[in-house]
Amino acid sequence: MKTLRLLLGDQLTRSIASLTDLDPDHDVVLMVEVWEEATYVRHHKQKIAFLFSAMRHFAEALRAEGISVDYVRLDDAENAGSFGAELARAVARHAPDRVVVTEPGEWRVLQMMRDWREELGPPVEIRDDNRFLATKAEFAAWAGAKKQLRMEFFYREMRRKTGFLMEGGEPVGGQWNFDAENRKALPKSLRVPPRRRFEPDAITREVLALVARRFGNHFGDLEPFGWAVTRADALEALRVFVDEALPTFGDYQDAMKTGEPFLFHAVLSPYLNAGLLTAEEVCRAAEREWREGRAPLNAVEGFVRQIIGWREYVRGLYWLKMPAYADTNALSATRPLPDFYWTGETEMNCLAQCVSDTRRHAYAHHIQRLMVLGNFALIAGLSPSQVEEWYLVVFADAYEWVELPNVHGMILYADGGVLASKPYAASGAYIDRMSDYCAACAYDPKVKEGARACPFNYLYWNFLMENEGRLAGNPRMGMPLRTLSKMSDARRAAIREDSARFLAGLRSSYA
């Protein structure tokens, strides 16, 4: 039997389900660079370059095994521009008895795959993605009829299932979660290790030239480009992280510093989400560092929680709740996305720094994404669909299965509490405590009213006033809402006036 095996650009894992029973003597692996996928949103230039280069390198690795690879480049004159059209052309070329694919990470692509079953001659087999530690069915069974889904309890089940950081059925260290130990401000004298970046080879240089020609009007800087694009280099990036950054990651994972976009973070998410690394192997590498005494438990547990807890949780929730999930807007937020999310041109230094980091690297760490970029979007009442599109565009690790729940549920609370237990809103004091951004800002986080006040301060309380009725039943919002209830009418009026003035001054190119 001759099988055509379509491999998507974020499925660059040799052990992926669609390749497990591959017969090199008869089967063909199809890989395609298509315009439709590169432009359904205007992805950051580095994300496109990373994926195309990683795909080309992966194809070469398969060929080195003696596997037949049909690879269609973006600039191939015959490229039809979409998955479906290219698959149809490949079926005509190879006349396979069947087509095998691994389920995609996005709902819209799954709908395409289901349509192929009707449109193509040979049968199309869609296999479960075996790279995740929890199947969609397992997550749905865990969710069951629960009134509330909380990551912490799912995470504990994943610890029990995988055995990571477990001893005799109990969590090592006597507790499941060490997050309370992971919120230290960054000392000025602490050395930040340089992050391993990779010099582009000839294949990557060819891709960079292609992206410069074809996607020059997309967001972000194309160079300097330093992403790993092979499995070997991704493994090297993992090694450098666990050796040099993991021991300090736990203490300072919530910290932010001007000119240090990576700090002690792993910066492995692009490789995980594209398939160059697997969740199991990165967690195993981190756990080994603790068991052999080279990294503290709070660091390793915090890292493992992000992978087998949060990453698996948002993926499960995405497939459980889609497609209706994306259309919810629990806080009725409608304000257009401000232009400074694209340009970085704002007097709020924290936002300017985070947008600048994102433009240069197609990356910002999770606190920058949640508590600066996301916090502003939440308390300013920005449109969920526009914010979600921005997050999908600008980050090298962004795919809808991971981006949408994080932004829609965690950042914007647009799902009304399905994913997160409360809105993650904060005033300027949090950013001042966890970063050095405020020292160089035109606004003062210690000033609460007037032209010099940090906009996060009055927008935070304005957000609570606008959503007081919606949030009144949330027990985790009890304390700030009680404080709000004691505010004088004059103080409330000042907050509304400052907020209205500031928000009216935002410029947006959105219609």
Protein backbone atom coordinates (compact mmCIF):
# COMPACT_ATOMS: atom_id res chain seq x y z
CA MET A 1 0.00 0.00 0.00
CA LYS A 2 1.32 3.39 -0.99
CA THR A 3 0.65 6.15 1.53
CA LEU A 4 0.97 9.89 1.11
CA ARG A 5 1.78 11.43 4.49
CA LEU A 6 1.13 15.17 4.81
CA LEU A 7 3.27 16.82 7.47
CA LEU A 8 2.37 20.34 8.62
CA GLY A 9 4.92 23.00 9.51
CA ASP A 10 4.36 22.63 13.27
CA GLN A 11 4.64 18.81 13.16
CA LEU A 12 8.41 18.50 12.85
CA THR A 13 8.72 15.46 15.12
CA ARG A 14 10.11 12.20 13.79
CA SER A 15 7.93 10.12 16.13
CA ILE A 16 4.69 11.93 15.27
CA ALA A 17 1.70 9.67 14.66
CA SER A 18 1.55 10.19 10.89
CA LEU A 19 5.15 8.93 10.50
CA THR A 20 5.20 6.04 12.98
CA ASP A 21 4.43 3.25 10.49
CA LEU A 22 6.12 4.86 7.48
CA ASP A 23 7.37 2.46 4.80
CA PRO A 24 10.39 4.07 3.08
CA ASP A 25 10.04 1.73 0.09
CA HIS A 26 6.53 2.86 -0.82
CA ASP A 27 5.46 6.00 1.09
CA VAL A 28 5.94 9.68 0.32
CA VAL A 29 6.05 12.50 2.89
CA LEU A 30 4.48 15.70 1.59
CA MET A 31 5.58 19.07 3.03
CA VAL A 32 4.36 22.37 1.62
CA GLU A 33 5.03 26.05 2.18
CA VAL A 34 1.75 27.75 1.30
CA TRP A 35 0.80 31.39 1.01
CA GLU A 36 -2.56 30.89 2.73
CA GLU A 37 -0.94 29.71 5.97
CA ALA A 38 1.73 32.40 5.94
CA THR A 39 -0.82 35.19 5.51
CA TYR A 40 -4.14 34.25 7.15
CA VAL A 41 -2.75 36.64 9.73
CA ARG A 42 0.32 38.74 8.98
CA HIS A 43 2.77 36.64 10.99
CA HIS A 44 5.99 38.14 12.33
CA LYS A 45 8.73 37.81 9.72
CA GLN A 46 10.88 35.73 12.07
CA LYS A 47 8.07 33.23 12.69
CA ILE A 48 7.68 32.60 8.96
CA ALA A 49 11.45 32.31 8.51
CA PHE A 50 11.77 30.00 11.51
CA LEU A 51 9.09 27.61 10.29
CA PHE A 52 10.15 27.52 6.63
CA SER A 53 13.78 26.95 7.57
CA ALA A 54 12.90 24.29 10.16
CA MET A 55 10.67 22.56 7.60
CA ARG A 56 13.42 22.51 4.99
CA HIS A 57 15.94 21.15 7.46
CA PHE A 58 13.48 18.49 8.64
CA ALA A 59 12.86 17.44 5.05
CA GLU A 60 16.60 17.02 4.54
CA ALA A 61 16.83 14.89 7.70
CA LEU A 62 14.07 12.61 6.38
CA ARG A 63 15.81 12.29 3.03
CA ALA A 64 19.01 11.35 4.82
CA GLU A 65 17.06 8.36 6.20
CA GLY A 66 16.17 7.29 2.69
CA ILE A 67 12.60 8.59 2.90
CA SER A 68 10.96 10.08 -0.18
CA VAL A 69 9.96 13.68 0.51
CA ASP A 70 7.85 15.76 -1.86
CA TYR A 71 8.64 19.30 -0.75
CA VAL A 72 6.86 22.28 -2.34
CA ARG A 73 8.51 25.63 -1.74
CA LEU A 74 6.60 28.88 -1.51
CA ASP A 75 8.22 30.26 -4.65
CA ASP A 76 7.59 27.14 -6.73
CA ALA A 77 5.85 28.39 -9.88
CA GLU A 78 3.22 25.63 -9.60
CA ASN A 79 2.46 26.22 -5.89
CA ALA A 80 -1.33 26.57 -5.62
CA GLY A 81 -1.13 28.43 -2.29
CA SER A 82 -3.25 26.28 0.06
CA PHE A 83 -3.05 22.95 1.88
CA GLY A 84 -6.03 21.51 0.05
CA ALA A 85 -4.90 22.48 -3.43
CA GLU A 86 -1.36 21.25 -2.84
CA LEU A 87 -2.59 17.98 -1.40
CA ALA A 88 -4.79 17.47 -4.45
CA ARG A 89 -1.82 18.11 -6.75
CA ALA A 90 0.29 15.63 -4.77
CA VAL A 91 -2.43 12.98 -4.97
CA ALA A 92 -2.44 13.42 -8.73
CA ARG A 93 1.36 13.08 -8.85
CA HIS A 94 1.72 10.05 -6.59
CA ALA A 95 -1.63 8.19 -6.90
CA PRO A 96 -1.55 6.95 -3.27
CA ASP A 97 -3.90 4.35 -1.84
CA ARG A 98 -4.51 6.54 1.18
CA VAL A 99 -3.53 9.87 2.77
CA VAL A 100 -2.41 10.01 6.40
CA VAL A 101 -2.25 13.19 8.48
CA THR A 102 -1.85 14.05 12.15
CA GLU A 103 -4.59 16.25 13.55
CA PRO A 104 -3.65 19.94 13.41
CA GLY A 105 -3.41 22.44 16.25
CA GLU A 106 -6.11 24.74 14.89
CA TRP A 107 -9.84 24.26 14.50
CA ARG A 108 -9.97 25.84 11.02
CA VAL A 109 -7.34 23.41 9.69
CA LEU A 110 -9.19 20.44 11.17
CA GLN A 111 -12.27 21.54 9.21
CA MET A 112 -10.12 21.56 6.05
CA MET A 113 -8.92 18.03 6.79
CA ARG A 114 -12.48 16.78 7.26
CA ASP A 115 -13.41 18.33 3.92
CA TRP A 116 -10.55 16.47 2.24
CA ARG A 117 -12.32 13.21 3.03
CA GLU A 118 -15.06 14.31 0.65
CA GLU A 119 -12.89 16.06 -1.93
CA LEU A 120 -10.01 13.62 -2.50
CA GLY A 121 -10.18 10.24 -4.16
CA PRO A 122 -8.17 8.16 -1.68
CA PRO A 123 -9.33 7.87 1.96
CA VAL A 124 -7.89 10.38 4.46
CA GLU A 125 -6.90 9.10 7.91
CA ILE A 126 -6.62 11.77 10.62
CA ARG A 127 -4.57 10.53 13.57
CA ASP A 128 -4.43 11.87 17.12
CA ASP A 129 -1.41 14.04 17.91
CA ASN A 130 0.69 11.74 20.10
CA ARG A 131 3.11 14.48 21.18
CA PHE A 132 0.84 15.73 23.97
CA LEU A 133 0.77 14.01 27.33
CA ALA A 134 -3.01 14.23 27.67
CA THR A 135 -5.27 13.25 24.79
CA LYS A 136 -8.30 15.36 23.97
CA ALA A 137 -10.49 12.51 25.18
CA GLU A 138 -8.62 12.32 28.50
CA PHE A 139 -9.04 16.04 29.05
CA ALA A 140 -12.73 15.89 28.20
CA ALA A 141 -13.15 13.00 30.66
CA TRP A 142 -11.35 14.96 33.38
CA ALA A 143 -13.49 18.04 32.69
CA GLY A 144 -16.65 15.94 32.77
CA ALA A 145 -19.52 17.83 34.35
CA LYS A 146 -17.32 20.04 36.53
CA LYS A 147 -18.80 23.49 37.10
CA GLN A 148 -15.32 25.01 37.17
CA LEU A 149 -12.16 23.90 35.39
CA ARG A 150 -8.96 24.85 37.18
CA MET A 151 -5.47 24.23 35.90
CA GLU A 152 -4.05 23.44 39.35
CA PHE A 153 -6.18 20.31 39.74
CA PHE A 154 -5.54 19.18 36.18
CA TYR A 155 -1.82 19.73 36.78
CA ARG A 156 -1.90 17.41 39.79
CA GLU A 157 -3.49 14.70 37.67
CA MET A 158 -0.76 15.17 35.07
CA ARG A 159 1.93 14.86 37.75
CA ARG A 160 0.37 11.57 38.86
CA LYS A 161 0.09 10.32 35.27
CA THR A 162 3.63 11.21 34.21
CA GLY A 163 5.41 10.65 37.53
CA PHE A 164 7.34 13.91 37.14
CA LEU A 165 8.49 15.23 40.53
CA MET A 166 6.65 12.46 42.35
CA GLU A 167 7.76 10.00 45.04
CA GLY A 168 5.52 7.22 46.29
CA GLY A 169 2.40 8.83 44.91
CA GLU A 170 3.12 12.17 46.61
CA PRO A 171 4.70 15.36 45.25
CA VAL A 172 8.37 15.80 46.08
CA GLY A 173 8.94 18.50 48.68
CA GLY A 174 5.52 17.84 50.23
CA GLN A 175 3.56 20.30 48.08
CA TRP A 176 2.34 20.52 44.51
CA ASN A 177 3.09 24.13 43.72
CA PHE A 178 5.98 26.44 44.66
CA ASP A 179 4.68 29.50 42.82
CA ALA A 180 4.81 31.63 45.98
CA GLU A 181 8.62 31.31 45.88
CA ASN A 182 8.84 32.45 42.26
CA ARG A 183 8.03 36.16 42.47
CA LYS A 184 11.25 37.89 43.46
CA ALA A 185 12.30 41.22 41.98
CA LEU A 186 15.54 41.12 40.03
CA PRO A 187 18.59 42.41 41.94
CA LYS A 188 20.53 45.02 39.98
CA SER A 189 23.80 43.15 40.43
CA LEU A 190 22.56 39.75 39.27
CA ARG A 191 24.26 38.49 36.11
CA VAL A 192 21.92 37.39 33.34
CA PRO A 193 23.44 34.55 31.28
CA PRO A 194 23.75 35.19 27.54
CA ARG A 195 21.22 33.16 25.61
CA ARG A 196 22.46 30.75 22.96
CA ARG A 197 21.61 32.00 19.47
CA PHE A 198 22.35 30.14 16.26
CA GLU A 199 24.09 31.50 13.18
CA PRO A 200 21.96 31.03 10.04
CA ASP A 201 23.32 28.42 7.63
CA ALA A 202 22.88 28.42 3.84
CA ILE A 203 19.33 27.01 4.00
CA THR A 204 18.25 29.61 6.55
CA ARG A 205 19.90 32.41 4.59
CA GLU A 206 17.94 31.37 1.52
CA VAL A 207 14.73 31.44 3.56
CA LEU A 208 15.56 34.84 5.06
CA ALA A 209 15.99 36.25 1.56
CA LEU A 210 12.63 34.75 0.54
CA VAL A 211 10.86 36.24 3.56
CA ALA A 212 12.45 39.65 2.95
CA ARG A 213 11.14 39.59 -0.64
CA ARG A 214 7.67 38.21 -0.05
CA PHE A 215 6.74 39.37 3.46
CA GLY A 216 8.54 42.69 3.81
CA ASN A 217 5.34 44.43 4.94
CA HIS A 218 4.73 42.03 7.84
CA PHE A 219 5.34 43.00 11.45
CA GLY A 220 8.74 42.70 13.08
CA ASP A 221 12.45 42.70 12.39
CA LEU A 222 13.74 39.83 10.27
CA GLU A 223 17.33 40.06 11.48
CA PRO A 224 19.31 39.40 13.53
CA PHE A 225 17.86 35.89 13.30
CA GLY A 226 19.12 33.42 15.89
CA TRP A 227 16.51 30.67 16.26
CA ALA A 228 17.44 27.00 16.21
CA VAL A 229 16.00 25.39 13.07
CA THR A 230 17.19 21.80 13.56
CA ARG A 231 16.50 19.26 16.27
CA ALA A 232 20.20 19.16 17.15
CA ASP A 233 20.30 22.90 17.76
CA ALA A 234 17.00 22.84 19.66
CA LEU A 235 18.50 20.20 21.96
CA GLU A 236 21.52 22.46 22.41
CA ALA A 237 19.20 25.32 23.38
CA LEU A 238 17.60 23.02 25.96
CA ARG A 239 21.01 22.04 27.33
CA VAL A 240 22.09 25.66 27.69
CA PHE A 241 18.86 26.54 29.49
CA VAL A 242 19.08 23.77 32.08
CA ASP A 243 22.81 24.37 32.62
CA GLU A 244 22.85 28.16 32.82
CA ALA A 245 19.37 29.58 33.45
CA LEU A 246 17.16 26.96 35.11
CA PRO A 247 18.77 27.24 38.59
CA THR A 248 17.71 30.90 38.79
CA PHE A 249 14.54 30.66 36.71
CA GLY A 250 12.26 29.96 39.65
CA ASP A 251 13.17 32.95 41.78
CA TYR A 252 13.00 35.51 38.98
CA GLN A 253 10.53 34.16 36.43
CA ASP A 254 8.18 37.10 37.07
CA ALA A 255 10.90 39.77 36.75
CA MET A 256 11.35 42.17 33.82
CA LYS A 257 14.37 44.24 32.86
CA THR A 258 15.09 46.77 30.14
CA GLY A 259 17.30 45.32 27.43
CA GLU A 260 16.94 41.74 28.73
CA PRO A 261 14.08 40.10 26.84
CA PHE A 262 15.01 36.54 27.84
CA LEU A 263 16.36 36.81 31.41
CA PHE A 264 16.26 33.25 32.86
CA HIS A 265 13.39 31.98 30.73
CA ALA A 266 13.78 28.84 28.66
CA VAL A 267 12.83 30.39 25.28
CA LEU A 268 12.00 26.86 24.14
CA SER A 269 8.32 27.35 23.30
CA PRO A 270 8.90 27.88 19.54
CA TYR A 271 10.71 24.53 19.41
CA LEU A 272 8.08 22.74 21.50
CA ASN A 273 5.18 24.12 19.50
CA ALA A 274 6.80 23.33 16.14
CA GLY A 275 7.83 19.84 17.24
CA LEU A 276 11.62 20.10 17.37
CA LEU A 277 11.41 19.27 21.10
CA THR A 278 8.84 17.24 23.01
CA ALA A 279 7.15 18.04 26.30
CA GLU A 280 8.32 14.81 27.88
CA GLU A 281 12.01 15.31 27.09
CA VAL A 282 12.20 18.91 28.30
CA CYS A 283 10.47 18.01 31.57
CA ARG A 284 12.75 15.02 32.02
CA ALA A 285 15.82 17.21 31.45
CA ALA A 286 14.62 19.72 34.05
CA GLU A 287 13.70 17.04 36.60
CA ARG A 288 17.14 15.49 36.21
CA GLU A 289 18.73 18.79 37.23
CA TRP A 290 16.83 18.75 40.52
CA ARG A 291 17.38 15.06 41.27
CA GLU A 292 21.13 15.49 40.69
CA GLY A 293 21.30 18.62 42.86
CA ARG A 294 22.01 21.22 40.19
CA ALA A 295 18.71 23.16 40.30
CA PRO A 296 16.35 24.00 43.18
CA LEU A 297 12.89 22.49 43.40
CA ASN A 298 11.02 25.79 43.06
CA ALA A 299 12.69 26.40 39.69
CA VAL A 300 12.12 22.91 38.32
CA GLU A 301 8.55 22.63 39.58
CA GLY A 302 7.71 26.04 38.11
CA PHE A 303 9.10 25.01 34.74
CA VAL A 304 7.42 21.59 34.71
CA ARG A 305 4.11 23.22 35.68
CA GLN A 306 4.26 25.46 32.61
CA ILE A 307 4.73 22.42 30.36
CA ILE A 308 2.60 19.56 31.72
CA GLY A 309 0.19 21.84 33.55
CA TRP A 310 -0.53 25.04 31.71
CA ARG A 311 0.44 24.05 28.14
CA GLU A 312 -1.55 20.81 28.26
CA TYR A 313 -4.45 22.52 30.03
CA VAL A 314 -4.97 25.28 27.47
CA ARG A 315 -4.74 22.78 24.63
CA GLY A 316 -7.38 20.57 26.24
CA LEU A 317 -9.67 23.49 26.93
CA TYR A 318 -9.29 24.79 23.35
CA TRP A 319 -10.51 21.53 21.82
CA LEU A 320 -13.18 21.09 24.48
CA LYS A 321 -14.77 24.51 23.93
CA MET A 322 -14.18 25.38 20.27
CA PRO A 323 -15.54 26.79 18.05
CA ALA A 324 -18.01 28.78 20.18
CA TYR A 325 -15.31 29.68 22.72
CA ALA A 326 -13.70 32.29 20.46
CA ASP A 327 -16.92 34.29 20.14
CA THR A 328 -17.54 34.99 23.82
CA ASN A 329 -17.01 38.50 25.22
CA ALA A 330 -18.04 38.33 28.88
CA LEU A 331 -16.88 41.87 29.71
CA SER A 332 -18.34 43.45 26.54
CA ALA A 333 -14.96 44.92 25.60
CA THR A 334 -15.01 46.73 22.25
CA ARG A 335 -12.27 49.40 22.18
CA PRO A 336 -10.03 49.11 19.09
CA LEU A 337 -6.43 47.95 19.51
CA PRO A 338 -4.17 51.03 19.79
CA ASP A 339 -1.54 51.54 17.12
CA PHE A 340 1.27 51.47 19.69
CA TYR A 341 0.89 47.69 19.88
CA TRP A 342 2.43 47.70 16.39
CA THR A 343 4.72 50.73 16.55
CA GLY A 344 5.84 50.77 20.20
CA GLU A 345 5.35 54.53 20.14
CA THR A 346 3.89 55.32 23.56
CA GLU A 347 5.05 57.25 26.60
CA MET A 348 4.27 54.22 28.77
CA ASN A 349 7.77 52.80 28.94
CA CYS A 350 6.75 49.29 30.03
CA LEU A 351 4.56 48.88 26.95
CA ALA A 352 7.16 50.47 24.68
CA GLN A 353 9.83 48.08 25.97
CA CYS A 354 7.66 44.98 25.60
CA VAL A 355 6.54 45.88 22.07
CA SER A 356 10.13 46.68 21.13
CA ASP A 357 11.35 43.31 22.46
CA THR A 358 8.57 41.57 20.53
CA ARG A 359 9.37 43.41 17.32
CA ARG A 360 13.08 42.48 17.54
CA HIS A 361 12.76 38.88 18.68
CA ALA A 362 9.19 37.61 17.97
CA TYR A 363 9.24 36.80 21.69
CA ALA A 364 8.28 38.20 25.07
CA HIS A 365 8.21 36.16 28.26
CA HIS A 366 4.99 35.24 30.03
CA ILE A 367 4.89 38.13 32.51
CA GLN A 368 5.45 40.68 29.76
CA ARG A 369 2.62 39.05 27.82
CA LEU A 370 0.24 38.77 30.79
CA MET A 371 0.95 41.64 33.15
CA VAL A 372 2.05 44.41 30.78
CA LEU A 373 0.74 43.87 27.25
CA GLY A 374 -2.24 41.82 28.42
CA ASN A 375 -3.01 43.79 31.58
CA PHE A 376 -3.33 46.99 29.56
CA ALA A 377 -5.58 45.29 27.01
CA LEU A 378 -7.82 44.05 29.83
CA ILE A 379 -8.20 47.24 31.84
CA ALA A 380 -8.50 49.41 28.71
CA GLY A 381 -11.37 47.25 27.47
CA LEU A 382 -9.77 46.31 24.15
CA SER A 383 -11.66 44.15 21.66
CA PRO A 384 -10.87 40.46 22.29
CA SER A 385 -10.74 39.54 18.59
CA GLN A 386 -8.28 42.33 17.80
CA VAL A 387 -6.04 41.55 20.78
CA GLU A 388 -6.10 37.84 19.96
CA GLU A 389 -5.11 38.50 16.36
CA TRP A 390 -2.19 40.64 17.56
CA TYR A 391 -0.89 37.89 19.86
CA LEU A 392 -1.21 35.36 17.03
CA VAL A 393 0.72 37.64 14.66
CA VAL A 394 3.68 38.74 16.73
CA PHE A 395 5.08 35.69 18.56
CA ALA A 396 7.15 32.88 17.06
CA ASP A 397 5.46 30.31 19.31
CA ALA A 398 1.87 31.39 18.60
CA TYR A 399 -0.67 28.90 17.25
CA GLU A 400 -4.36 29.25 17.88
CA TRP A 401 -4.62 26.22 20.21
CA VAL A 402 -2.22 27.87 22.68
CA GLU A 403 -2.73 31.56 21.89
CA LEU A 404 -6.52 31.75 21.99
CA PRO A 405 -7.17 30.27 25.46
CA ASN A 406 -4.26 32.19 26.97
CA VAL A 407 -5.43 35.52 25.57
CA HIS A 408 -9.19 35.03 25.52
CA GLY A 409 -9.42 33.37 28.92
CA MET A 410 -6.32 34.19 30.97
CA ILE A 411 -5.52 37.70 29.76
CA LEU A 412 -8.89 39.18 28.79
CA TYR A 413 -11.29 37.14 30.93
CA ALA A 414 -13.50 37.18 27.83
CA ASP A 415 -14.78 33.69 28.63
CA GLY A 416 -16.18 34.88 31.96
CA GLY A 417 -14.01 32.60 34.08
CA VAL A 418 -13.99 29.32 32.17
CA LEU A 419 -10.18 29.22 32.14
CA ALA A 420 -9.03 31.60 34.89
CA SER A 421 -10.46 32.13 38.34
CA LYS A 422 -10.29 35.93 38.13
CA PRO A 423 -9.29 38.76 35.78
CA TYR A 424 -5.52 39.36 35.97
CA ALA A 425 -5.81 43.13 36.36
CA ALA A 426 -3.18 45.16 38.21
CA SER A 427 -2.14 48.75 38.80
CA GLY A 428 1.23 50.31 38.05
CA ALA A 429 2.58 49.19 41.43
CA TYR A 430 2.97 45.61 40.22
CA ILE A 431 5.01 46.61 37.16
CA ASP A 432 7.12 48.94 39.29
CA ARG A 433 7.86 46.16 41.78
CA MET A 434 8.75 43.54 39.17
CA SER A 435 10.72 45.64 36.66
CA ASP A 436 12.97 48.64 36.09
CA TYR A 437 10.65 50.06 33.43
CA CYS A 438 9.06 52.74 35.58
CA ALA A 439 12.33 54.56 36.34
CA ALA A 440 12.58 55.77 32.75
CA CYS A 441 8.88 56.44 32.21
CA ALA A 442 7.08 59.74 31.63
CA TYR A 443 4.50 58.60 34.18
CA ASP A 444 4.94 57.92 37.90
CA PRO A 445 3.47 54.70 39.32
CA LYS A 446 3.23 56.34 42.75
CA VAL A 447 0.98 59.12 41.42
CA LYS A 448 -2.69 58.16 41.36
CA GLU A 449 -4.40 61.12 39.65
CA GLY A 450 -3.69 63.71 36.99
CA ALA A 451 -1.40 64.02 33.98
CA ARG A 452 1.66 62.41 35.62
CA ALA A 453 -0.21 59.46 37.10
CA CYS A 454 0.60 56.04 35.67
CA PRO A 455 -2.33 55.14 33.38
CA PHE A 456 -2.36 51.63 34.85
CA ASN A 457 -3.40 53.15 38.20
CA TYR A 458 -6.60 54.88 37.18
CA LEU A 459 -7.44 52.41 34.39
CA TYR A 460 -7.32 49.58 36.95
CA TRP A 461 -9.95 51.21 39.14
CA ASN A 462 -11.95 52.33 36.12
CA PHE A 463 -12.00 48.72 34.95
CA LEU A 464 -13.37 47.61 38.33
CA MET A 465 -16.02 50.34 38.26
CA GLU A 466 -17.14 49.41 34.74
CA ASN A 467 -17.31 45.70 35.61
CA GLU A 468 -18.38 45.86 39.25
CA GLY A 469 -21.68 44.12 38.59
CA ARG A 470 -20.12 41.39 36.45
CA LEU A 471 -17.41 40.61 39.02
CA ALA A 472 -19.41 40.97 42.22
CA GLY A 473 -19.90 37.22 42.66
CA ASN A 474 -16.24 36.33 42.19
CA PRO A 475 -14.72 35.50 45.60
CA ARG A 476 -11.17 36.32 44.41
CA MET A 477 -12.29 39.87 43.57
CA GLY A 478 -13.81 40.50 46.99
CA MET A 479 -10.95 42.57 48.43
CA PRO A 480 -10.51 45.08 45.57
CA LEU A 481 -14.27 45.45 45.18
CA ARG A 482 -14.62 46.18 48.90
CA THR A 483 -11.93 48.86 48.55
CA LEU A 484 -13.81 50.25 45.56
CA SER A 485 -17.05 50.37 47.52
CA LYS A 486 -15.41 52.64 50.11
CA MET A 487 -14.16 55.20 47.54
CA SER A 488 -15.63 58.65 47.71
CA ASP A 489 -17.68 60.04 44.83
CA ALA A 490 -14.94 62.61 44.21
CA ARG A 491 -12.28 59.91 43.88
CA ARG A 492 -14.47 57.90 41.50
CA ALA A 493 -15.10 60.99 39.40
CA ALA A 494 -11.37 61.71 39.18
CA ILE A 495 -10.68 58.13 38.06
CA ARG A 496 -13.35 58.32 35.37
CA GLU A 497 -12.08 61.70 34.16
CA ASP A 498 -8.44 60.57 33.93
CA SER A 499 -9.45 57.35 32.20
CA ALA A 500 -11.73 59.06 29.70
CA ARG A 501 -9.03 61.61 28.82
CA PHE A 502 -6.35 58.97 28.36
CA LEU A 503 -8.48 56.50 26.40
CA ALA A 504 -9.76 59.24 24.10
CA GLY A 505 -6.16 60.00 23.19
CA LEU A 506 -5.39 56.50 21.94
CA ARG A 507 -4.98 56.20 18.19
CA SER A 508 -6.07 53.13 16.28
CA SER A 509 -5.98 52.18 12.61
CA TYR A 510 -8.74 49.65 13.15
CA ALA A 511 -12.06 50.68 11.67
